[in-house]
């Protein structure tokens, strides 16, 4: 699961290029949250449920 939620250097660069959000100093980037939440859930004996939504 860790590998599925991590980016390689080329993948991270491509994802960063598509991230149009503005971040304040110290704010977590949207690309980093899923891995952090997975680690938290796994450490507490929980699982995760994912959902993808596309709005047009």
C-alpha atoms as a PDB file:
ATOM      1  CA  UNK A   1       0.000   0.000   0.000  1.00  0.00           C
ATOM      2  CA  UNK A   2       2.861   2.368   0.782  1.00  0.00           C
ATOM      3  CA  UNK A   3       4.208   1.919  -2.730  1.00  0.00           C
ATOM      4  CA  UNK A   4       0.782   2.541  -4.270  1.00  0.00           C
ATOM      5  CA  UNK A   5       0.467   5.863  -2.449  1.00  0.00           C
ATOM      6  CA  UNK A   6       4.005   7.081  -3.188  1.00  0.00           C
ATOM      7  CA  UNK A   7       5.221   8.871  -6.293  1.00  0.00           C
ATOM      8  CA  UNK A   8       8.436   8.244  -8.168  1.00  0.00           C
ATOM      9  CA  UNK A   9      10.382  11.373  -9.181  1.00  0.00           C
ATOM     10  CA  UNK A  10       8.834  11.579 -12.673  1.00  0.00           C
ATOM     11  CA  UNK A  11       5.330  10.855 -11.359  1.00  0.00           C
ATOM     12  CA  UNK A  12       5.694  13.479  -8.635  1.00  0.00           C
ATOM     13  CA  UNK A  13       6.867  16.095 -11.138  1.00  0.00           C
ATOM     14  CA  UNK A  14       3.895  15.337 -13.413  1.00  0.00           C
ATOM     15  CA  UNK A  15       1.436  15.465 -10.501  1.00  0.00           C
ATOM     16  CA  UNK A  16       2.951  18.698  -9.162  1.00  0.00           C
ATOM     17  CA  UNK A  17       2.541  20.268 -12.604  1.00  0.00           C
ATOM     18  CA  UNK A  18      -1.205  19.509 -12.426  1.00  0.00           C
ATOM     19  CA  UNK A  19      -1.667  20.738  -8.839  1.00  0.00           C
ATOM     20  CA  UNK A  20      -3.199  24.197  -9.244  1.00  0.00           C
ATOM     21  CA  UNK A  21      -3.977  24.741  -5.552  1.00  0.00           C
ATOM     22  CA  UNK A  22      -2.311  27.498  -3.553  1.00  0.00           C
ATOM     23  CA  UNK A  23      -0.671  26.503  -0.287  1.00  0.00           C
ATOM     24  CA  UNK A  24       0.269  28.546   2.747  1.00  0.00           C
ATOM     25  CA  UNK A  25       3.608  27.884   4.451  1.00  0.00           C
ATOM     26  CA  UNK A  26       3.413  24.652   6.434  1.00  0.00           C
ATOM     27  CA  UNK A  27       0.161  23.515   4.793  1.00  0.00           C
ATOM     28  CA  UNK A  28       0.043  19.886   3.664  1.00  0.00           C
ATOM     29  CA  UNK A  29      -0.071  19.420  -0.085  1.00  0.00           C
ATOM     30  CA  UNK A  30      -2.980  17.426  -1.487  1.00  0.00           C
ATOM     31  CA  UNK A  31      -0.496  14.904  -2.897  1.00  0.00           C
ATOM     32  CA  UNK A  32       0.929  14.112   0.561  1.00  0.00           C
ATOM     33  CA  UNK A  33      -2.297  13.611   2.535  1.00  0.00           C
ATOM     34  CA  UNK A  34      -3.315  10.113   1.363  1.00  0.00           C
ATOM     35  CA  UNK A  35      -0.038   8.486   2.446  1.00  0.00           C
ATOM     36  CA  UNK A  36      -0.147  10.242   5.830  1.00  0.00           C
ATOM     37  CA  UNK A  37      -3.735   9.096   6.401  1.00  0.00           C
ATOM     38  CA  UNK A  38      -2.889   5.519   5.373  1.00  0.00           C
ATOM     39  CA  UNK A  39      -0.038   5.421   7.889  1.00  0.00           C
ATOM     40  CA  UNK A  40      -2.304   6.829  10.605  1.00  0.00           C
ATOM     41  CA  UNK A  41      -5.083   4.302   9.869  1.00  0.00           C
ATOM     42  CA  UNK A  42      -2.713   1.330   9.673  1.00  0.00           C
ATOM     43  CA  UNK A  43      -1.024   2.359  12.920  1.00  0.00           C
ATOM     44  CA  UNK A  44      -4.404   2.379  14.659  1.00  0.00           C
ATOM     45  CA  UNK A  45      -5.641  -0.922  13.224  1.00  0.00           C
ATOM     46  CA  UNK A  46      -8.047   0.789  10.826  1.00  0.00           C
ATOM     47  CA  UNK A  47      -8.594   0.604   7.077  1.00  0.00           C
ATOM     48  CA  UNK A  48      -9.330   3.198   4.440  1.00  0.00           C
ATOM     49  CA  UNK A  49     -12.128   3.548   1.932  1.00  0.00           C
ATOM     50  CA  UNK A  50     -11.477   5.514  -1.248  1.00  0.00           C
ATOM     51  CA  UNK A  51     -13.765   7.348  -3.595  1.00  0.00           C
ATOM     52  CA  UNK A  52     -13.104   9.168  -6.852  1.00  0.00           C
ATOM     53  CA  UNK A  53     -15.462  11.924  -7.955  1.00  0.00           C
ATOM     54  CA  UNK A  54     -15.282  13.837 -11.218  1.00  0.00           C
ATOM     55  CA  UNK A  55     -17.286  17.062 -11.392  1.00  0.00           C
ATOM     56  CA  UNK A  56     -18.003  18.674 -14.719  1.00  0.00           C
END
